[in-house]
């Protein structure tokens, strides 16, 4: 079987080497790139790889590894494998289960897509996910004493960062992945209805504050279902149990099904090796004619803002009128600490309605 690779970055190079190393009976026919960089030419010569380099895409079988979401016309190809979560999320309803495989789009090496296709007959009521390896890596590094810029640079060296880091820290990456998972689980998902908080690293001290009181926060996607209502919340949250041990580029997906209880899936979620393993899984499924049907029957849920409850941390400059704020928050306070001329107020559990009310008053308030 012949495939052509669209894009020749770190993942594309690693994929070719893995196919050769593991003697997978697949031929990489062409590489499609806009222009070939000098380092790419050196790589091909060093590995003694004789591959056609082309700008015109004519092949029937495509492995898309660019991250560009404007390749809808390739859906007409015989087989289309993609790691592009934005493309898959936006055009999920156009996918054919025999032609389009997208295991690498969510969860890196966990290979969660086919697992959930086998479990989507079960009803669930709760999901907690750390599914962005980049942000989890950065948060872990900051928590252990690194600064924001150094953490990003180290993540780039490791190959964990998208071309535009804002795609990760704005919550878009995790939103698209959450959307795909919900659609596989037969939920008619709408990204616009998600409550998404961008990562705000302007206050490194507040992460250190939690460290001092032996608490850990993670950038999490939470989903809660109740009857015909759904609440999706993507933000920094206080974590406990297994979630607090998921560090660096690791991902975790914890789903609570109504009849079978909780199931936990974890593994590395960022980097070329986990992504390549999922792409190779799709290639082998095509070769073995092993296809799991996509879902075309979806349950309709109404998106709300009050199912998920969470603590929050409010940071107030000590130069302000503290008494006024204390009276406003008196019923919600669990504890407060002073650190570096800022008052940190740790609140009781609130929902999004209360959160947005407080955010109008306090600009520096974080879900935890």
Protein backbone atom coordinates (compact mmCIF):
# COMPACT_ATOMS: atom_id res chain seq x y z
CA UNK A 1 0.00 0.00 0.00
CA UNK A 2 1.28 3.46 -0.96
CA UNK A 3 0.85 6.67 1.03
CA UNK A 4 1.98 10.25 0.54
CA UNK A 5 2.81 12.57 3.42
CA UNK A 6 1.54 16.13 3.47
CA UNK A 7 4.06 18.11 5.53
CA UNK A 8 7.64 17.24 6.41
CA UNK A 9 8.22 18.48 9.96
CA UNK A 10 9.42 16.58 13.02
CA UNK A 11 6.44 14.22 13.00
CA UNK A 12 6.69 13.48 9.26
CA UNK A 13 10.41 12.62 9.56
CA UNK A 14 9.85 10.45 12.64
CA UNK A 15 6.96 8.64 10.94
CA UNK A 16 9.12 7.65 7.95
CA UNK A 17 11.91 6.37 10.22
CA UNK A 18 9.43 4.37 12.36
CA UNK A 19 7.89 2.74 9.29
CA UNK A 20 11.35 1.67 8.09
CA UNK A 21 12.58 0.60 11.54
CA UNK A 22 9.51 -1.55 12.29
CA UNK A 23 9.38 -3.10 8.78
CA UNK A 24 5.79 -1.94 8.23
CA UNK A 25 4.73 -3.01 4.76
CA UNK A 26 3.82 0.51 3.59
CA UNK A 27 5.52 2.59 0.95
CA UNK A 28 5.83 6.36 1.35
CA UNK A 29 5.53 7.50 -2.24
CA UNK A 30 5.74 11.28 -2.10
CA UNK A 31 6.28 14.16 0.29
CA UNK A 32 4.23 17.28 -0.39
CA UNK A 33 5.75 20.54 0.87
CA UNK A 34 5.62 24.18 -0.21
CA UNK A 35 9.40 24.38 -0.12
CA UNK A 36 12.15 22.07 1.11
CA UNK A 37 14.40 23.50 3.81
CA UNK A 38 18.14 22.93 3.88
CA UNK A 39 17.87 20.78 7.02
CA UNK A 40 15.30 18.58 5.22
CA UNK A 41 17.72 17.93 2.35
CA UNK A 42 20.48 17.07 4.86
CA UNK A 43 18.07 14.70 6.66
CA UNK A 44 17.18 12.86 3.42
CA UNK A 45 20.83 12.45 2.43
CA UNK A 46 21.94 11.39 5.91
CA UNK A 47 19.25 8.70 6.14
CA UNK A 48 19.75 7.73 2.47
CA UNK A 49 16.05 8.19 1.74
CA UNK A 50 14.98 8.38 -1.90
CA UNK A 51 11.62 10.13 -1.79
CA UNK A 52 9.85 12.27 -4.36
CA UNK A 53 9.36 15.88 -3.31
CA UNK A 54 6.34 17.53 -4.91
CA UNK A 55 4.06 20.58 -4.65
CA UNK A 56 1.16 18.94 -6.53
CA UNK A 57 -1.03 16.48 -4.70
CA UNK A 58 -2.33 13.68 -6.93
CA UNK A 59 -2.12 10.56 -4.77
CA UNK A 60 -5.20 8.78 -3.41
CA UNK A 61 -3.86 8.00 0.09
CA UNK A 62 -2.77 10.98 2.20
CA UNK A 63 -1.25 11.31 5.67
CA UNK A 64 -1.80 14.95 6.67
CA UNK A 65 0.64 16.29 9.29
CA UNK A 66 0.61 20.06 8.70
CA UNK A 67 -1.91 21.34 11.27
CA UNK A 68 -3.58 23.45 8.56
CA UNK A 69 -7.40 23.30 8.70
CA UNK A 70 -7.94 24.26 5.03
CA UNK A 71 -7.54 20.79 3.53
CA UNK A 72 -11.22 19.85 3.25
CA UNK A 73 -10.78 18.88 -0.43
CA UNK A 74 -8.56 15.97 0.65
CA UNK A 75 -11.58 14.31 2.26
CA UNK A 76 -12.35 13.02 -1.25
CA UNK A 77 -9.17 10.93 -1.24
CA UNK A 78 -9.46 7.16 -0.84
CA UNK A 79 -7.77 7.21 2.56
CA UNK A 80 -7.09 10.33 4.60
CA UNK A 81 -5.19 10.05 7.91
CA UNK A 82 -4.86 13.22 9.96
CA UNK A 83 -3.57 14.46 13.32
CA UNK A 84 -5.35 17.78 12.74
CA UNK A 85 -7.80 18.31 15.59
CA UNK A 86 -9.10 21.62 14.19
CA UNK A 87 -9.91 20.09 10.79
CA UNK A 88 -11.56 17.01 12.32
CA UNK A 89 -13.59 19.04 14.83
CA UNK A 90 -14.93 21.50 12.24
CA UNK A 91 -15.81 18.87 9.63
CA UNK A 92 -16.67 15.89 11.84
CA UNK A 93 -20.09 15.43 10.22
CA UNK A 94 -18.44 15.03 6.78
CA UNK A 95 -16.21 12.14 7.85
CA UNK A 96 -16.50 8.65 6.41
CA UNK A 97 -15.53 5.87 8.82
CA UNK A 98 -13.75 3.92 6.06
CA UNK A 99 -11.90 6.83 4.49
CA UNK A 100 -10.99 9.17 7.34
CA UNK A 101 -8.92 8.15 10.35
CA UNK A 102 -7.85 10.62 13.04
CA UNK A 103 -6.48 8.68 16.02
CA UNK A 104 -3.59 11.14 16.46
CA UNK A 105 -5.89 14.18 16.74
CA UNK A 106 -6.63 13.62 20.46
CA UNK A 107 -4.49 12.31 23.30
CA UNK A 108 -1.25 11.58 21.44
CA UNK A 109 -0.15 8.05 22.26
CA UNK A 110 -3.22 7.10 24.34
CA UNK A 111 -5.11 6.13 21.15
CA UNK A 112 -8.41 7.10 22.72
CA UNK A 113 -10.49 7.49 19.53
CA UNK A 114 -11.00 3.79 18.76
CA UNK A 115 -11.46 3.01 22.47
CA UNK A 116 -14.33 5.51 22.74
CA UNK A 117 -15.90 4.30 19.50
CA UNK A 118 -16.21 0.91 21.21
CA UNK A 119 -17.69 2.48 24.37
CA UNK A 120 -20.06 5.07 22.94
CA UNK A 121 -23.13 2.89 23.58
CA UNK A 122 -22.62 3.64 27.31
CA UNK A 123 -24.12 6.75 28.89
CA UNK A 124 -21.75 8.95 30.89
CA UNK A 125 -22.26 11.86 33.27
CA UNK A 126 -18.76 13.15 34.02
CA UNK A 127 -15.44 13.68 32.22
CA UNK A 128 -12.20 15.22 33.54
CA UNK A 129 -9.38 15.59 31.00
CA UNK A 130 -5.85 16.91 30.76
CA UNK A 131 -5.49 16.71 26.99
CA UNK A 132 -2.99 19.40 26.12
CA UNK A 133 0.55 18.16 26.73
CA UNK A 134 2.08 21.57 25.97
CA UNK A 135 0.24 23.52 28.69
CA UNK A 136 0.62 20.67 31.18
CA UNK A 137 4.37 20.64 30.53
CA UNK A 138 4.62 24.44 31.01
CA UNK A 139 2.50 24.42 34.20
CA UNK A 140 4.58 21.58 35.67
CA UNK A 141 7.85 23.39 34.90
CA UNK A 142 6.57 26.64 36.47
CA UNK A 143 5.32 24.74 39.52
CA UNK A 144 8.82 23.31 40.01
CA UNK A 145 10.47 26.73 39.85
CA UNK A 146 11.04 27.59 36.18
CA UNK A 147 9.75 30.84 34.66
CA UNK A 148 7.21 31.11 31.82
CA UNK A 149 9.63 31.98 28.98
CA UNK A 150 12.16 29.28 29.92
CA UNK A 151 9.37 26.71 30.15
CA UNK A 152 8.11 27.56 26.65
CA UNK A 153 11.62 27.44 25.17
CA UNK A 154 12.25 24.06 26.77
CA UNK A 155 8.91 22.79 25.44
CA UNK A 156 9.89 23.99 21.95
CA UNK A 157 13.20 22.11 22.15
CA UNK A 158 11.26 18.98 23.08
CA UNK A 159 8.94 19.50 20.09
CA UNK A 160 5.80 19.93 22.22
CA UNK A 161 4.73 23.39 21.00
CA UNK A 162 2.56 24.32 18.00
CA UNK A 163 3.89 26.93 15.56
CA UNK A 164 1.69 29.44 17.38
CA UNK A 165 1.85 28.96 21.17
CA UNK A 166 -1.39 30.97 21.51
CA UNK A 167 -3.27 28.02 20.00
CA UNK A 168 -2.41 26.08 23.17
CA UNK A 169 -2.62 28.71 25.91
CA UNK A 170 -5.82 30.29 24.52
CA UNK A 171 -7.66 26.99 25.08
CA UNK A 172 -8.41 26.42 21.37
CA UNK A 173 -6.42 23.18 21.17
CA UNK A 174 -8.13 21.63 24.19
CA UNK A 175 -11.54 22.90 22.97
CA UNK A 176 -11.22 21.13 19.60
CA UNK A 177 -10.12 17.91 21.32
CA UNK A 178 -13.01 18.08 23.80
CA UNK A 179 -15.40 18.68 20.89
CA UNK A 180 -14.16 15.55 19.06
CA UNK A 181 -14.48 13.38 22.17
CA UNK A 182 -18.04 14.59 22.85
CA UNK A 183 -19.08 13.93 19.25
CA UNK A 184 -17.66 10.39 19.40
CA UNK A 185 -19.72 9.89 22.59
CA UNK A 186 -22.86 10.92 20.64
CA UNK A 187 -23.18 14.46 22.04
CA UNK A 188 -24.16 17.23 19.62
CA UNK A 189 -21.32 19.49 20.70
CA UNK A 190 -20.91 23.23 20.11
CA UNK A 191 -17.52 24.79 20.84
CA UNK A 192 -19.05 28.26 21.05
CA UNK A 193 -21.01 27.11 24.12
CA UNK A 194 -17.89 25.98 26.03
CA UNK A 195 -16.74 28.08 28.99
CA UNK A 196 -13.05 28.58 28.16
CA UNK A 197 -10.55 30.47 30.32
CA UNK A 198 -7.27 31.39 28.67
CA UNK A 199 -4.14 30.56 30.61
CA UNK A 200 -2.91 33.68 32.39
CA UNK A 201 0.72 33.45 33.46
CA UNK A 202 1.03 37.09 34.51
CA UNK A 203 0.91 35.93 38.14
CA UNK A 204 3.51 33.23 38.72
CA UNK A 205 3.13 33.85 42.44
CA UNK A 206 -0.36 32.39 42.58
CA UNK A 207 0.96 29.00 41.41
CA UNK A 208 3.60 29.20 44.14
CA UNK A 209 0.86 30.12 46.61
CA UNK A 210 -0.81 26.76 45.99
CA UNK A 211 2.53 25.02 46.34
CA UNK A 212 2.90 26.57 49.81
CA UNK A 213 -0.48 25.20 50.92
CA UNK A 214 0.24 21.79 49.27
CA UNK A 215 -2.31 22.22 46.49
CA UNK A 216 -1.83 21.55 42.76
CA UNK A 217 -3.62 23.15 39.80
CA UNK A 218 -3.90 21.84 36.22
CA UNK A 219 -5.38 23.12 32.96
CA UNK A 220 -8.38 20.83 32.65
CA UNK A 221 -11.42 20.23 30.47
CA UNK A 222 -14.40 19.29 32.65
CA UNK A 223 -17.71 17.99 31.28
CA UNK A 224 -20.83 17.37 33.37
CA UNK A 225 -24.18 15.96 32.18
CA UNK A 226 -27.48 16.05 34.04
CA UNK A 227 -30.67 14.91 32.29
CA UNK A 228 -30.67 16.96 29.06
CA UNK A 229 -28.19 19.60 30.31
CA UNK A 230 -24.44 19.81 29.68
CA UNK A 231 -21.75 22.06 31.11
CA UNK A 232 -18.26 22.21 29.55
CA UNK A 233 -15.60 24.14 31.44
CA UNK A 234 -11.97 24.54 30.33
CA UNK A 235 -9.78 26.29 32.88
CA UNK A 236 -7.18 25.96 35.63
CA UNK A 237 -8.64 23.77 38.37
CA UNK A 238 -7.51 22.51 41.73
CA UNK A 239 -6.88 18.75 41.37
CA UNK A 240 -6.65 15.74 43.66
CA UNK A 241 -6.23 11.99 43.31
CA UNK A 242 -4.62 10.65 40.14
CA UNK A 243 -4.91 13.97 38.26
CA UNK A 244 -2.28 15.67 40.43
CA UNK A 245 0.30 13.06 39.37
CA UNK A 246 -0.15 13.72 35.64
CA UNK A 247 2.88 15.92 34.95
CA UNK A 248 4.86 17.34 32.03
CA UNK A 249 3.60 16.19 28.58
CA UNK A 250 1.36 13.42 29.91
CA UNK A 251 -2.40 13.38 29.20
CA UNK A 252 -5.25 11.77 31.09
CA UNK A 253 -8.91 11.15 30.23
CA UNK A 254 -11.15 10.10 33.12
CA UNK A 255 -14.72 9.21 32.19
CA UNK A 256 -17.46 8.20 34.64
CA UNK A 257 -20.05 6.00 32.95
CA UNK A 258 -23.43 5.59 34.63
CA UNK A 259 -23.47 1.78 34.73
CA UNK A 260 -19.81 0.73 34.61
CA UNK A 261 -18.18 3.42 36.78
CA UNK A 262 -15.00 5.37 36.06
CA UNK A 263 -12.48 4.50 33.36
CA UNK A 264 -9.06 6.15 33.18
CA UNK A 265 -6.81 6.42 30.12
CA UNK A 266 -3.38 8.02 30.39
CA UNK A 267 -0.15 8.38 28.42
CA UNK A 268 2.11 10.88 26.70
CA UNK A 269 0.10 13.46 24.79
CA UNK A 270 2.69 15.71 23.14
CA UNK A 271 5.73 15.12 20.97
CA UNK A 272 6.56 13.28 17.78
CA UNK A 273 6.72 9.74 19.22
CA UNK A 274 3.17 9.59 20.68
CA UNK A 275 1.71 11.21 17.54
CA UNK A 276 3.58 8.80 15.25
CA UNK A 277 2.35 5.78 17.19
CA UNK A 278 -1.27 6.86 16.63
CA UNK A 279 -0.70 7.57 12.92
CA UNK A 280 0.87 4.11 12.49
CA UNK A 281 -2.15 2.64 14.31
CA UNK A 282 -4.41 4.22 11.65
CA UNK A 283 -2.20 2.89 8.84
CA UNK A 284 -2.39 -0.65 10.28
CA UNK A 285 -6.19 -0.38 10.68
CA UNK A 286 -6.45 0.45 6.97
CA UNK A 287 -4.15 -2.43 6.01
CA UNK A 288 -6.12 -4.86 8.20
CA UNK A 289 -9.48 -3.46 7.08
CA UNK A 290 -10.29 -2.77 10.73
CA UNK A 291 -12.71 0.16 10.83
CA UNK A 292 -14.88 1.52 13.62
CA UNK A 293 -17.96 3.34 12.42
CA UNK A 294 -18.28 7.08 13.03
CA UNK A 295 -21.38 8.35 14.79
CA UNK A 296 -24.23 9.97 12.91
CA UNK A 297 -26.86 9.78 15.65
CA UNK A 298 -26.38 12.54 18.22
CA UNK A 299 -28.23 13.35 21.42
CA UNK A 300 -29.20 16.98 21.86
CA UNK A 301 -28.20 18.66 25.12
CA UNK A 302 -28.70 22.23 26.28
CA UNK A 303 -25.51 24.01 27.36
CA UNK A 304 -25.65 25.66 30.79
CA UNK A 305 -23.22 27.39 33.20
CA UNK A 306 -24.16 25.98 36.60
CA UNK A 307 -23.51 22.20 36.67
CA UNK A 308 -19.78 22.42 37.39
CA UNK A 309 -18.77 23.85 40.77
CA UNK A 310 -15.23 24.88 41.59
CA UNK A 311 -13.13 26.81 44.06
CA UNK A 312 -11.52 30.05 42.98
CA UNK A 313 -8.57 32.20 43.96
CA UNK A 314 -8.93 35.98 44.01
CA UNK A 315 -5.81 38.14 44.05
CA UNK A 316 -6.12 41.68 45.43
CA UNK A 317 -3.43 44.32 45.66
CA UNK A 318 -3.03 45.36 49.29
CA UNK A 319 -3.08 49.02 48.23
CA UNK A 320 -6.84 48.71 47.53
CA UNK A 321 -9.71 49.00 49.98
CA UNK A 322 -9.61 45.46 51.43
CA UNK A 323 -12.52 45.97 53.84
CA UNK A 324 -14.99 46.61 51.01
CA UNK A 325 -13.95 43.39 49.24
CA UNK A 326 -13.97 41.35 52.45
CA UNK A 327 -17.61 42.26 53.15
CA UNK A 328 -18.55 41.26 49.57
CA UNK A 329 -16.77 37.89 49.84
CA UNK A 330 -17.33 37.05 53.51
CA UNK A 331 -19.70 34.11 52.82
CA UNK A 332 -17.38 32.60 50.20
CA UNK A 333 -13.97 32.73 51.96
CA UNK A 334 -12.24 29.50 53.06
CA UNK A 335 -8.80 30.98 53.74
CA UNK A 336 -6.62 33.90 52.76
CA UNK A 337 -2.88 34.57 52.72
CA UNK A 338 -0.66 37.58 52.06
CA UNK A 339 2.22 37.05 49.63
CA UNK A 340 4.40 39.68 47.91
CA UNK A 341 2.05 42.61 48.64
CA UNK A 342 -1.00 40.69 47.35
CA UNK A 343 -3.93 39.21 49.27
CA UNK A 344 -4.85 35.70 48.07
CA UNK A 345 -8.46 34.79 48.89
CA UNK A 346 -9.31 31.11 48.49
CA UNK A 347 -13.10 30.70 48.07
CA UNK A 348 -15.72 28.01 48.60
CA UNK A 349 -17.17 26.16 45.62
CA UNK A 350 -19.06 28.40 43.20
CA UNK A 351 -20.55 27.93 39.73
CA UNK A 352 -19.95 29.95 36.56
CA UNK A 353 -22.83 32.35 37.23
CA UNK A 354 -21.28 33.43 40.55
CA UNK A 355 -17.80 33.36 38.97
CA UNK A 356 -18.69 35.81 36.19
CA UNK A 357 -20.35 38.11 38.73
CA UNK A 358 -17.14 38.18 40.80
CA UNK A 359 -15.00 38.62 37.69
CA UNK A 360 -16.68 41.94 36.95
CA UNK A 361 -15.36 43.17 40.29
CA UNK A 362 -12.03 41.28 40.46
CA UNK A 363 -10.05 41.05 37.24
CA UNK A 364 -7.56 38.66 38.81
CA UNK A 365 -9.77 35.74 39.71
CA UNK A 366 -8.96 32.15 38.69
CA UNK A 367 -10.97 28.93 38.70
CA UNK A 368 -9.22 26.15 40.56
